[in-house]
């Protein structure tokens, strides 16, 4: 991947439980993302980072590899993909997710 110069934040689109997500549930969700992305013919999870409902940040695809999250190769060039687990057309991200996203964005933009 070329040097990142933009970041896209997505939501997974799945229902988010009311209680904070357990680590096991987050791992299972990551595996379901990976499986769905493999079915699309992608090399791995299309996102570089995923943030679960408890605010844990998971590494998906290494940032040295171009993502497969923004729709096509041109849109993915130089683009870091971050996904928040949940469906934010239905409800807002958790406070923990927002805090983790802010921290991750700060880290990514100050390197």
PDB file of N, CA and C in Angstrom:
ATOM      1  N   UNK A   1       0.846  -1.174   0.000  1.00  0.00           N
ATOM      2  CA  UNK A   1       0.000   0.000   0.000  1.00  0.00           C
ATOM      3  C   UNK A   1       0.889   1.234   0.000  1.00  0.00           C
ATOM      4  N   UNK A   2       0.459   2.255  -0.708  1.00  0.00           N
ATOM      5  CA  UNK A   2       1.193   3.518  -0.674  1.00  0.00           C
ATOM      6  C   UNK A   2       0.988   4.180   0.685  1.00  0.00           C
ATOM      7  N   UNK A   3       1.737   5.234   0.931  1.00  0.00           N
ATOM      8  CA  UNK A   3       1.625   5.935   2.210  1.00  0.00           C
ATOM      9  C   UNK A   3       0.177   6.387   2.441  1.00  0.00           C
ATOM     10  N   UNK A   4      -0.400   6.028   3.596  1.00  0.00           N
ATOM     11  CA  UNK A   4      -1.791   6.412   3.863  1.00  0.00           C
ATOM     12  C   UNK A   4      -1.954   7.935   3.903  1.00  0.00           C
ATOM     13  N   UNK A   5      -3.033   8.394   3.296  1.00  0.00           N
ATOM     14  CA  UNK A   5      -3.334   9.820   3.311  1.00  0.00           C
ATOM     15  C   UNK A   5      -4.804  10.103   3.602  1.00  0.00           C
ATOM     16  N   UNK A   6      -5.569   9.023   3.844  1.00  0.00           N
ATOM     17  CA  UNK A   6      -6.970   9.188   4.228  1.00  0.00           C
ATOM     18  C   UNK A   6      -7.404   7.993   5.070  1.00  0.00           C
ATOM     19  N   UNK A   7      -8.494   8.189   5.777  1.00  0.00           N
ATOM     20  CA  UNK A   7      -9.041   7.164   6.664  1.00  0.00           C
ATOM     21  C   UNK A   7     -10.550   7.109   6.427  1.00  0.00           C
ATOM     22  N   UNK A   8     -11.086   5.901   6.308  1.00  0.00           N
ATOM     23  CA  UNK A   8     -12.526   5.716   6.182  1.00  0.00           C
ATOM     24  C   UNK A   8     -13.019   4.940   7.389  1.00  0.00           C
ATOM     25  N   UNK A   9     -14.062   5.460   8.045  1.00  0.00           N
ATOM     26  CA  UNK A   9     -14.669   4.791   9.195  1.00  0.00           C
ATOM     27  C   UNK A   9     -15.999   4.192   8.745  1.00  0.00           C
ATOM     28  N   UNK A  10     -16.157   2.900   8.993  1.00  0.00           N
ATOM     29  CA  UNK A  10     -17.347   2.144   8.611  1.00  0.00           C
ATOM     30  C   UNK A  10     -18.052   1.640   9.868  1.00  0.00           C
ATOM     31  N   UNK A  11     -19.240   1.099   9.675  1.00  0.00           N
ATOM     32  CA  UNK A  11     -19.882   0.296  10.711  1.00  0.00           C
ATOM     33  C   UNK A  11     -20.156  -1.068  10.101  1.00  0.00           C
ATOM     34  N   UNK A  12     -20.163  -2.086  10.949  1.00  0.00           N
ATOM     35  CA  UNK A  12     -20.316  -3.450  10.452  1.00  0.00           C
ATOM     36  C   UNK A  12     -21.708  -3.749   9.920  1.00  0.00           C
ATOM     37  N   UNK A  13     -22.707  -3.035  10.408  1.00  0.00           N
ATOM     38  CA  UNK A  13     -24.075  -3.219   9.947  1.00  0.00           C
ATOM     39  C   UNK A  13     -24.859  -4.272  10.703  1.00  0.00           C
ATOM     40  N   UNK A  14     -24.218  -4.957  11.638  1.00  0.00           N
ATOM     41  CA  UNK A  14     -24.915  -5.995  12.400  1.00  0.00           C
ATOM     42  C   UNK A  14     -25.463  -5.408  13.703  1.00  0.00           C
ATOM     43  N   UNK A  15     -26.427  -6.104  14.279  1.00  0.00           N
ATOM     44  CA  UNK A  15     -27.000  -5.654  15.542  1.00  0.00           C
ATOM     45  C   UNK A  15     -25.950  -5.710  16.631  1.00  0.00           C
ATOM     46  N   UNK A  16     -25.933  -4.689  17.463  1.00  0.00           N
ATOM     47  CA  UNK A  16     -24.998  -4.628  18.592  1.00  0.00           C
ATOM     48  C   UNK A  16     -25.777  -4.913  19.866  1.00  0.00           C
ATOM     49  N   UNK A  17     -25.357  -5.869  20.674  1.00  0.00           N
ATOM     50  CA  UNK A  17     -26.081  -6.147  21.918  1.00  0.00           C
ATOM     51  C   UNK A  17     -26.010  -4.967  22.884  1.00  0.00           C
ATOM     52  N   UNK A  18     -26.989  -4.911  23.810  1.00  0.00           N
ATOM     53  CA  UNK A  18     -27.030  -3.821  24.796  1.00  0.00           C
ATOM     54  C   UNK A  18     -25.834  -3.841  25.734  1.00  0.00           C
ATOM     55  N   UNK A  19     -25.484  -5.023  26.202  1.00  0.00           N
ATOM     56  CA  UNK A  19     -24.363  -5.148  27.136  1.00  0.00           C
ATOM     57  C   UNK A  19     -23.049  -5.024  26.371  1.00  0.00           C
ATOM     58  N   UNK A  20     -21.985  -4.599  27.048  1.00  0.00           N
ATOM     59  CA  UNK A  20     -20.688  -4.580  26.365  1.00  0.00           C
ATOM     60  C   UNK A  20     -20.369  -5.954  25.785  1.00  0.00           C
ATOM     61  N   UNK A  21     -19.777  -5.947  24.638  1.00  0.00           N
ATOM     62  CA  UNK A  21     -19.457  -7.181  23.920  1.00  0.00           C
ATOM     63  C   UNK A  21     -18.345  -7.923  24.649  1.00  0.00           C
ATOM     64  N   UNK A  22     -18.540  -9.229  24.856  1.00  0.00           N
ATOM     65  CA  UNK A  22     -17.492 -10.036  25.470  1.00  0.00           C
ATOM     66  C   UNK A  22     -16.351 -10.203  24.477  1.00  0.00           C
ATOM     67  N   UNK A  23     -15.196 -10.496  25.007  1.00  0.00           N
ATOM     68  CA  UNK A  23     -14.033 -10.725  24.151  1.00  0.00           C
ATOM     69  C   UNK A  23     -14.302 -11.885  23.195  1.00  0.00           C
ATOM     70  N   UNK A  24     -14.925 -12.952  23.698  1.00  0.00           N
ATOM     71  CA  UNK A  24     -15.249 -14.114  22.866  1.00  0.00           C
ATOM     72  C   UNK A  24     -16.191 -13.721  21.728  1.00  0.00           C
ATOM     73  N   UNK A  25     -17.217 -12.929  22.032  1.00  0.00           N
ATOM     74  CA  UNK A  25     -18.170 -12.499  21.001  1.00  0.00           C
ATOM     75  C   UNK A  25     -17.477 -11.628  19.956  1.00  0.00           C
ATOM     76  N   UNK A  26     -16.548 -10.790  20.390  1.00  0.00           N
ATOM     77  CA  UNK A  26     -15.809  -9.941  19.457  1.00  0.00           C
ATOM     78  C   UNK A  26     -14.924 -10.787  18.537  1.00  0.00           C
ATOM     79  N   UNK A  27     -14.274 -11.789  19.095  1.00  0.00           N
ATOM     80  CA  UNK A  27     -13.446 -12.688  18.283  1.00  0.00           C
ATOM     81  C   UNK A  27     -14.313 -13.414  17.261  1.00  0.00           C
ATOM     82  N   UNK A  28     -15.477 -13.880  17.693  1.00  0.00           N
ATOM     83  CA  UNK A  28     -16.394 -14.554  16.771  1.00  0.00           C
ATOM     84  C   UNK A  28     -16.843 -13.614  15.657  1.00  0.00           C
ATOM     85  N   UNK A  29     -17.114 -12.360  15.997  1.00  0.00           N
ATOM     86  CA  UNK A  29     -17.520 -11.372  14.991  1.00  0.00           C
ATOM     87  C   UNK A  29     -16.378 -11.107  14.008  1.00  0.00           C
ATOM     88  N   UNK A  30     -15.141 -11.013  14.523  1.00  0.00           N
ATOM     89  CA  UNK A  30     -13.990 -10.821  13.640  1.00  0.00           C
ATOM     90  C   UNK A  30     -13.871 -11.997  12.667  1.00  0.00           C
ATOM     91  N   UNK A  31     -14.086 -13.202  13.174  1.00  0.00           N
ATOM     92  CA  UNK A  31     -14.021 -14.378  12.300  1.00  0.00           C
ATOM     93  C   UNK A  31     -15.132 -14.358  11.257  1.00  0.00           C
ATOM     94  N   UNK A  32     -16.305 -13.844  11.639  1.00  0.00           N
ATOM     95  CA  UNK A  32     -17.391 -13.780  10.655  1.00  0.00           C
ATOM     96  C   UNK A  32     -17.079 -12.731   9.589  1.00  0.00           C
ATOM     97  N   UNK A  33     -16.459 -11.607   9.978  1.00  0.00           N
ATOM     98  CA  UNK A  33     -16.019 -10.621   8.985  1.00  0.00           C
ATOM     99  C   UNK A  33     -15.009 -11.270   8.029  1.00  0.00           C
ATOM    100  N   UNK A  34     -14.050 -11.980   8.618  1.00  0.00           N
ATOM    101  CA  UNK A  34     -13.011 -12.603   7.803  1.00  0.00           C
ATOM    102  C   UNK A  34     -13.618 -13.613   6.827  1.00  0.00           C
ATOM    103  N   UNK A  35     -14.524 -14.432   7.309  1.00  0.00           N
ATOM    104  CA  UNK A  35     -15.169 -15.426   6.459  1.00  0.00           C
ATOM    105  C   UNK A  35     -15.939 -14.750   5.318  1.00  0.00           C
ATOM    106  N   UNK A  36     -16.703 -13.714   5.635  1.00  0.00           N
ATOM    107  CA  UNK A  36     -17.470 -12.994   4.604  1.00  0.00           C
ATOM    108  C   UNK A  36     -16.541 -12.353   3.584  1.00  0.00           C
ATOM    109  N   UNK A  37     -15.416 -11.834   4.049  1.00  0.00           N
ATOM    110  CA  UNK A  37     -14.480 -11.182   3.141  1.00  0.00           C
ATOM    111  C   UNK A  37     -13.727 -12.203   2.288  1.00  0.00           C
ATOM    112  N   UNK A  38     -13.419 -13.373   2.851  1.00  0.00           N
ATOM    113  CA  UNK A  38     -12.839 -14.461   2.053  1.00  0.00           C
ATOM    114  C   UNK A  38     -13.812 -14.863   0.937  1.00  0.00           C
ATOM    115  N   UNK A  39     -15.102 -14.924   1.246  1.00  0.00           N
ATOM    116  CA  UNK A  39     -16.108 -15.306   0.254  1.00  0.00           C
ATOM    117  C   UNK A  39     -16.166 -14.297  -0.893  1.00  0.00           C
ATOM    118  N   UNK A  40     -15.767 -13.063  -0.639  1.00  0.00           N
ATOM    119  CA  UNK A  40     -15.711 -12.048  -1.692  1.00  0.00           C
ATOM    120  C   UNK A  40     -14.429 -12.153  -2.519  1.00  0.00           C
ATOM    121  N   UNK A  41     -13.546 -13.063  -2.095  1.00  0.00           N
ATOM    122  CA  UNK A  41     -12.290 -13.256  -2.806  1.00  0.00           C
ATOM    123  C   UNK A  41     -11.162 -12.372  -2.304  1.00  0.00           C
ATOM    124  N   UNK A  42     -11.367 -11.731  -1.152  1.00  0.00           N
ATOM    125  CA  UNK A  42     -10.334 -10.867  -0.592  1.00  0.00           C
ATOM    126  C   UNK A  42      -9.311 -11.717   0.162  1.00  0.00           C
ATOM    127  N   UNK A  43      -8.107 -11.197   0.323  1.00  0.00           N
ATOM    128  CA  UNK A  43      -7.021 -11.936   0.972  1.00  0.00           C
ATOM    129  C   UNK A  43      -7.217 -12.077   2.473  1.00  0.00           C
ATOM    130  N   UNK A  44      -7.983 -11.188   3.086  1.00  0.00           N
ATOM    131  CA  UNK A  44      -8.206 -11.202   4.536  1.00  0.00           C
ATOM    132  C   UNK A  44      -9.328 -10.226   4.846  1.00  0.00           C
ATOM    133  N   UNK A  45      -9.479  -9.895   6.119  1.00  0.00           N
ATOM    134  CA  UNK A  45     -10.440  -8.862   6.508  1.00  0.00           C
ATOM    135  C   UNK A  45     -10.092  -7.601   5.730  1.00  0.00           C
ATOM    136  N   UNK A  46     -11.094  -6.942   5.200  1.00  0.00           N
ATOM    137  CA  UNK A  46     -10.858  -5.753   4.388  1.00  0.00           C
ATOM    138  C   UNK A  46     -10.470  -4.528   5.182  1.00  0.00           C
ATOM    139  N   UNK A  47     -10.800  -4.502   6.481  1.00  0.00           N
ATOM    140  CA  UNK A  47     -10.513  -3.363   7.353  1.00  0.00           C
ATOM    141  C   UNK A  47      -9.140  -3.516   7.997  1.00  0.00           C
ATOM    142  N   UNK A  48      -8.490  -2.421   8.256  1.00  0.00           N
ATOM    143  CA  UNK A  48      -7.213  -2.466   8.970  1.00  0.00           C
ATOM    144  C   UNK A  48      -7.428  -2.591  10.480  1.00  0.00           C
ATOM    145  N   UNK A  49      -8.495  -1.970  10.968  1.00  0.00           N
ATOM    146  CA  UNK A  49      -8.808  -2.015  12.396  1.00  0.00           C
ATOM    147  C   UNK A  49     -10.306  -2.199  12.577  1.00  0.00           C
ATOM    148  N   UNK A  50     -10.678  -2.882  13.667  1.00  0.00           N
ATOM    149  CA  UNK A  50     -12.077  -3.051  14.041  1.00  0.00           C
ATOM    150  C   UNK A  50     -12.178  -2.705  15.522  1.00  0.00           C
ATOM    151  N   UNK A  51     -13.214  -1.958  15.880  1.00  0.00           N
ATOM    152  CA  UNK A  51     -13.431  -1.580  17.282  1.00  0.00           C
ATOM    153  C   UNK A  51     -14.733  -2.212  17.747  1.00  0.00           C
ATOM    154  N   UNK A  52     -14.658  -3.031  18.797  1.00  0.00           N
ATOM    155  CA  UNK A  52     -15.859  -3.697  19.300  1.00  0.00           C
ATOM    156  C   UNK A  52     -16.619  -2.780  20.262  1.00  0.00           C
ATOM    157  N   UNK A  53     -17.772  -3.237  20.701  1.00  0.00           N
ATOM    158  CA  UNK A  53     -18.646  -2.426  21.551  1.00  0.00           C
ATOM    159  C   UNK A  53     -18.058  -2.067  22.898  1.00  0.00           C
ATOM    160  N   UNK A  54     -17.068  -2.833  23.364  1.00  0.00           N
ATOM    161  CA  UNK A  54     -16.405  -2.531  24.632  1.00  0.00           C
ATOM    162  C   UNK A  54     -15.232  -1.577  24.441  1.00  0.00           C
ATOM    163  N   UNK A  55     -14.978  -1.167  23.188  1.00  0.00           N
ATOM    164  CA  UNK A  55     -13.890  -0.236  22.911  1.00  0.00           C
ATOM    165  C   UNK A  55     -12.543  -0.895  22.666  1.00  0.00           C
ATOM    166  N   UNK A  56     -12.526  -2.218  22.540  1.00  0.00           N
ATOM    167  CA  UNK A  56     -11.271  -2.893  22.220  1.00  0.00           C
ATOM    168  C   UNK A  56     -10.964  -2.695  20.741  1.00  0.00           C
ATOM    169  N   UNK A  57      -9.720  -2.396  20.444  1.00  0.00           N
ATOM    170  CA  UNK A  57      -9.285  -2.199  19.068  1.00  0.00           C
ATOM    171  C   UNK A  57      -8.615  -3.488  18.598  1.00  0.00           C
ATOM    172  N   UNK A  58      -9.116  -4.027  17.491  1.00  0.00           N
ATOM    173  CA  UNK A  58      -8.597  -5.264  16.909  1.00  0.00           C
ATOM    174  C   UNK A  58      -7.899  -4.926  15.612  1.00  0.00           C
ATOM    175  N   UNK A  59      -6.759  -5.548  15.391  1.00  0.00           N
ATOM    176  CA  UNK A  59      -6.078  -5.365  14.114  1.00  0.00           C
ATOM    177  C   UNK A  59      -6.666  -6.349  13.118  1.00  0.00           C
ATOM    178  N   UNK A  60      -7.057  -5.833  11.971  1.00  0.00           N
ATOM    179  CA  UNK A  60      -7.538  -6.682  10.882  1.00  0.00           C
ATOM    180  C   UNK A  60      -6.393  -6.911   9.916  1.00  0.00           C
ATOM    181  N   UNK A  61      -6.425  -6.209   8.824  1.00  0.00           N
ATOM    182  CA  UNK A  61      -5.367  -6.290   7.815  1.00  0.00           C
ATOM    183  C   UNK A  61      -4.223  -5.371   8.232  1.00  0.00           C
ATOM    184  N   UNK A  62      -2.999  -5.816   8.052  1.00  0.00           N
ATOM    185  CA  UNK A  62      -1.846  -4.975   8.367  1.00  0.00           C
ATOM    186  C   UNK A  62      -1.882  -3.699   7.527  1.00  0.00           C
ATOM    187  N   UNK A  63      -1.458  -2.590   8.100  1.00  0.00           N
ATOM    188  CA  UNK A  63      -1.521  -1.317   7.377  1.00  0.00           C
ATOM    189  C   UNK A  63      -0.555  -1.251   6.202  1.00  0.00           C
ATOM    190  N   UNK A  64       0.402  -2.147   6.136  1.00  0.00           N
ATOM    191  CA  UNK A  64       1.292  -2.139   4.971  1.00  0.00           C
ATOM    192  C   UNK A  64       0.591  -2.707   3.734  1.00  0.00           C
ATOM    193  N   UNK A  65      -0.572  -3.359   3.932  1.00  0.00           N
ATOM    194  CA  UNK A  65      -1.343  -3.932   2.831  1.00  0.00           C
ATOM    195  C   UNK A  65      -2.557  -3.068   2.551  1.00  0.00           C
ATOM    196  N   UNK A  66      -2.820  -2.867   1.278  1.00  0.00           N
ATOM    197  CA  UNK A  66      -3.993  -2.085   0.885  1.00  0.00           C
ATOM    198  C   UNK A  66      -5.259  -2.771   1.378  1.00  0.00           C
ATOM    199  N   UNK A  67      -6.186  -1.988   1.891  1.00  0.00           N
ATOM    200  CA  UNK A  67      -7.452  -2.522   2.377  1.00  0.00           C
ATOM    201  C   UNK A  67      -8.388  -2.903   1.239  1.00  0.00           C
ATOM    202  N   UNK A  68      -9.505  -3.498   1.629  1.00  0.00           N
ATOM    203  CA  UNK A  68     -10.562  -3.873   0.682  1.00  0.00           C
ATOM    204  C   UNK A  68     -11.885  -3.466   1.314  1.00  0.00           C
ATOM    205  N   UNK A  69     -12.016  -2.179   1.618  1.00  0.00           N
ATOM    206  CA  UNK A  69     -13.159  -1.723   2.406  1.00  0.00           C
ATOM    207  C   UNK A  69     -13.926  -0.572   1.784  1.00  0.00           C
ATOM    208  N   UNK A  70     -13.327   0.146   0.840  1.00  0.00           N
ATOM    209  CA  UNK A  70     -13.924   1.397   0.375  1.00  0.00           C
ATOM    210  C   UNK A  70     -14.627   1.282  -0.973  1.00  0.00           C
ATOM    211  N   UNK A  71     -14.757   0.099  -1.504  1.00  0.00           N
ATOM    212  CA  UNK A  71     -15.537  -0.067  -2.722  1.00  0.00           C
ATOM    213  C   UNK A  71     -14.765  -0.491  -3.947  1.00  0.00           C
ATOM    214  N   UNK A  72     -13.548   0.022  -4.135  1.00  0.00           N
ATOM    215  CA  UNK A  72     -12.740  -0.404  -5.280  1.00  0.00           C
ATOM    216  C   UNK A  72     -11.277  -0.055  -5.013  1.00  0.00           C
ATOM    217  N   UNK A  73     -10.399  -0.535  -5.878  1.00  0.00           N
ATOM    218  CA  UNK A  73      -8.957  -0.364  -5.664  1.00  0.00           C
ATOM    219  C   UNK A  73      -8.554   1.104  -5.600  1.00  0.00           C
ATOM    220  N   UNK A  74      -9.145   1.939  -6.448  1.00  0.00           N
ATOM    221  CA  UNK A  74      -8.797   3.373  -6.428  1.00  0.00           C
ATOM    222  C   UNK A  74      -9.160   4.014  -5.092  1.00  0.00           C
ATOM    223  N   UNK A  75     -10.338   3.689  -4.566  1.00  0.00           N
ATOM    224  CA  UNK A  75     -10.761   4.273  -3.289  1.00  0.00           C
ATOM    225  C   UNK A  75      -9.976   3.711  -2.107  1.00  0.00           C
ATOM    226  N   UNK A  76      -9.428   2.511  -2.253  1.00  0.00           N
ATOM    227  CA  UNK A  76      -8.658   1.900  -1.169  1.00  0.00           C
ATOM    228  C   UNK A  76      -7.199   2.345  -1.139  1.00  0.00           C
ATOM    229  N   UNK A  77      -6.692   2.914  -2.222  1.00  0.00           N
ATOM    230  CA  UNK A  77      -5.296   3.358  -2.253  1.00  0.00           C
ATOM    231  C   UNK A  77      -5.058   4.429  -1.204  1.00  0.00           C
ATOM    232  N   UNK A  78      -4.050   4.201  -0.364  1.00  0.00           N
ATOM    233  CA  UNK A  78      -3.693   5.172   0.660  1.00  0.00           C
ATOM    234  C   UNK A  78      -4.775   5.384   1.703  1.00  0.00           C
ATOM    235  N   UNK A  79      -5.654   4.408   1.878  1.00  0.00           N
ATOM    236  CA  UNK A  79      -6.836   4.564   2.725  1.00  0.00           C
ATOM    237  C   UNK A  79      -6.829   3.514   3.840  1.00  0.00           C
ATOM    238  N   UNK A  80      -6.776   3.972   5.076  1.00  0.00           N
ATOM    239  CA  UNK A  80      -6.872   3.086   6.244  1.00  0.00           C
ATOM    240  C   UNK A  80      -8.357   2.857   6.529  1.00  0.00           C
ATOM    241  N   UNK A  81      -8.755   1.607   6.659  1.00  0.00           N
ATOM    242  CA  UNK A  81     -10.144   1.268   6.954  1.00  0.00           C
ATOM    243  C   UNK A  81     -10.330   0.903   8.413  1.00  0.00           C
ATOM    244  N   UNK A  82     -11.297   1.558   9.045  1.00  0.00           N
ATOM    245  CA  UNK A  82     -11.652   1.272  10.437  1.00  0.00           C
ATOM    246  C   UNK A  82     -13.137   0.910  10.456  1.00  0.00           C
ATOM    247  N   UNK A  83     -13.477  -0.181  11.123  1.00  0.00           N
ATOM    248  CA  UNK A  83     -14.871  -0.600  11.247  1.00  0.00           C
ATOM    249  C   UNK A  83     -15.261  -0.639  12.724  1.00  0.00           C
ATOM    250  N   UNK A  84     -16.390  -0.030  13.036  1.00  0.00           N
ATOM    251  CA  UNK A  84     -16.975  -0.149  14.367  1.00  0.00           C
ATOM    252  C   UNK A  84     -18.043  -1.231  14.298  1.00  0.00           C
ATOM    253  N   UNK A  85     -17.945  -2.229  15.172  1.00  0.00           N
ATOM    254  CA  UNK A  85     -18.960  -3.270  15.210  1.00  0.00           C
ATOM    255  C   UNK A  85     -20.292  -2.640  15.594  1.00  0.00           C
ATOM    256  N   UNK A  86     -21.356  -3.053  14.918  1.00  0.00           N
ATOM    257  CA  UNK A  86     -22.691  -2.551  15.207  1.00  0.00           C
ATOM    258  C   UNK A  86     -23.328  -1.925  13.982  1.00  0.00           C
ATOM    259  N   UNK A  87     -24.578  -1.543  14.132  1.00  0.00           N
ATOM    260  CA  UNK A  87     -25.338  -0.910  13.055  1.00  0.00           C
ATOM    261  C   UNK A  87     -25.721   0.480  13.525  1.00  0.00           C
ATOM    262  N   UNK A  88     -25.072   1.484  12.993  1.00  0.00           N
ATOM    263  CA  UNK A  88     -25.282   2.847  13.479  1.00  0.00           C
ATOM    264  C   UNK A  88     -26.328   3.602  12.697  1.00  0.00           C
ATOM    265  N   UNK A  89     -27.092   2.877  11.874  1.00  0.00           N
ATOM    266  CA  UNK A  89     -28.347   3.409  11.366  1.00  0.00           C
ATOM    267  C   UNK A  89     -29.442   3.107  12.381  1.00  0.00           C
ATOM    268  N   UNK A  90     -29.177   2.137  13.276  1.00  0.00           N
ATOM    269  CA  UNK A  90     -30.133   1.714  14.295  1.00  0.00           C
ATOM    270  C   UNK A  90     -29.877   2.354  15.663  1.00  0.00           C
ATOM    271  N   UNK A  91     -28.617   2.490  16.037  1.00  0.00           N
ATOM    272  CA  UNK A  91     -28.264   3.062  17.347  1.00  0.00           C
ATOM    273  C   UNK A  91     -26.862   3.630  17.284  1.00  0.00           C
ATOM    274  N   UNK A  92     -26.566   4.501  18.197  1.00  0.00           N
ATOM    275  CA  UNK A  92     -25.264   5.168  18.243  1.00  0.00           C
ATOM    276  C   UNK A  92     -24.183   4.207  18.728  1.00  0.00           C
ATOM    277  N   UNK A  93     -22.920   4.442  18.332  1.00  0.00           N
ATOM    278  CA  UNK A  93     -21.824   3.631  18.883  1.00  0.00           C
ATOM    279  C   UNK A  93     -21.724   3.870  20.394  1.00  0.00           C
ATOM    280  N   UNK A  94     -21.167   2.895  21.074  1.00  0.00           N
ATOM    281  CA  UNK A  94     -20.995   3.037  22.523  1.00  0.00           C
ATOM    282  C   UNK A  94     -19.961   4.126  22.820  1.00  0.00           C
ATOM    283  N   UNK A  95     -20.042   4.664  24.020  1.00  0.00           N
ATOM    284  CA  UNK A  95     -19.061   5.668  24.452  1.00  0.00           C
ATOM    285  C   UNK A  95     -17.651   5.093  24.387  1.00  0.00           C
ATOM    286  N   UNK A  96     -17.513   3.800  24.704  1.00  0.00           N
ATOM    287  CA  UNK A  96     -16.203   3.149  24.650  1.00  0.00           C
ATOM    288  C   UNK A  96     -15.679   3.088  23.213  1.00  0.00           C
ATOM    289  N   UNK A  97     -16.559   2.828  22.265  1.00  0.00           N
ATOM    290  CA  UNK A  97     -16.138   2.799  20.860  1.00  0.00           C
ATOM    291  C   UNK A  97     -15.696   4.182  20.394  1.00  0.00           C
ATOM    292  N   UNK A  98     -16.463   5.195  20.756  1.00  0.00           N
ATOM    293  CA  UNK A  98     -16.120   6.566  20.348  1.00  0.00           C
ATOM    294  C   UNK A  98     -14.772   6.965  20.929  1.00  0.00           C
ATOM    295  N   UNK A  99     -14.545   6.646  22.197  1.00  0.00           N
ATOM    296  CA  UNK A  99     -13.273   6.967  22.840  1.00  0.00           C
ATOM    297  C   UNK A  99     -12.117   6.234  22.161  1.00  0.00           C
ATOM    298  N   UNK A 100     -12.315   4.936  21.887  1.00  0.00           N
ATOM    299  CA  UNK A 100     -11.269   4.150  21.221  1.00  0.00           C
ATOM    300  C   UNK A 100     -11.011   4.669  19.807  1.00  0.00           C
ATOM    301  N   UNK A 101     -12.072   5.056  19.109  1.00  0.00           N
ATOM    302  CA  UNK A 101     -11.909   5.597  17.758  1.00  0.00           C
ATOM    303  C   UNK A 101     -11.099   6.887  17.800  1.00  0.00           C
ATOM    304  N   UNK A 102     -11.410   7.758  18.741  1.00  0.00           N
ATOM    305  CA  UNK A 102     -10.638   9.002  18.868  1.00  0.00           C
ATOM    306  C   UNK A 102      -9.163   8.707  19.122  1.00  0.00           C
ATOM    307  N   UNK A 103      -8.897   7.773  20.022  1.00  0.00           N
ATOM    308  CA  UNK A 103      -7.506   7.418  20.329  1.00  0.00           C
ATOM    309  C   UNK A 103      -6.802   6.842  19.107  1.00  0.00           C
ATOM    310  N   UNK A 104      -7.486   5.952  18.399  1.00  0.00           N
ATOM    311  CA  UNK A 104      -6.893   5.334  17.212  1.00  0.00           C
ATOM    312  C   UNK A 104      -6.635   6.382  16.135  1.00  0.00           C
ATOM    313  N   UNK A 105      -7.588   7.267  15.898  1.00  0.00           N
ATOM    314  CA  UNK A 105      -7.405   8.321  14.893  1.00  0.00           C
ATOM    315  C   UNK A 105      -6.241   9.236  15.258  1.00  0.00           C
ATOM    316  N   UNK A 106      -6.117   9.561  16.531  1.00  0.00           N
ATOM    317  CA  UNK A 106      -4.993  10.395  16.978  1.00  0.00           C
ATOM    318  C   UNK A 106      -3.680   9.673  16.712  1.00  0.00           C
ATOM    319  N   UNK A 107      -3.622   8.405  17.072  1.00  0.00           N
ATOM    320  CA  UNK A 107      -2.392   7.630  16.866  1.00  0.00           C
ATOM    321  C   UNK A 107      -2.056   7.537  15.372  1.00  0.00           C
ATOM    322  N   UNK A 108      -3.047   7.261  14.537  1.00  0.00           N
ATOM    323  CA  UNK A 108      -2.803   7.094  13.106  1.00  0.00           C
ATOM    324  C   UNK A 108      -2.364   8.401  12.430  1.00  0.00           C
ATOM    325  N   UNK A 109      -2.844   9.519  12.931  1.00  0.00           N
ATOM    326  CA  UNK A 109      -2.554  10.796  12.274  1.00  0.00           C
ATOM    327  C   UNK A 109      -1.357  11.530  12.857  1.00  0.00           C
ATOM    328  N   UNK A 110      -0.738  10.962  13.889  1.00  0.00           N
ATOM    329  CA  UNK A 110       0.443  11.618  14.468  1.00  0.00           C
ATOM    330  C   UNK A 110       1.714  10.813  14.273  1.00  0.00           C
ATOM    331  N   UNK A 111       1.620   9.691  13.567  1.00  0.00           N
ATOM    332  CA  UNK A 111       2.816   8.879  13.326  1.00  0.00           C
ATOM    333  C   UNK A 111       3.751   9.576  12.357  1.00  0.00           C
TER     334      UNK A 111
END
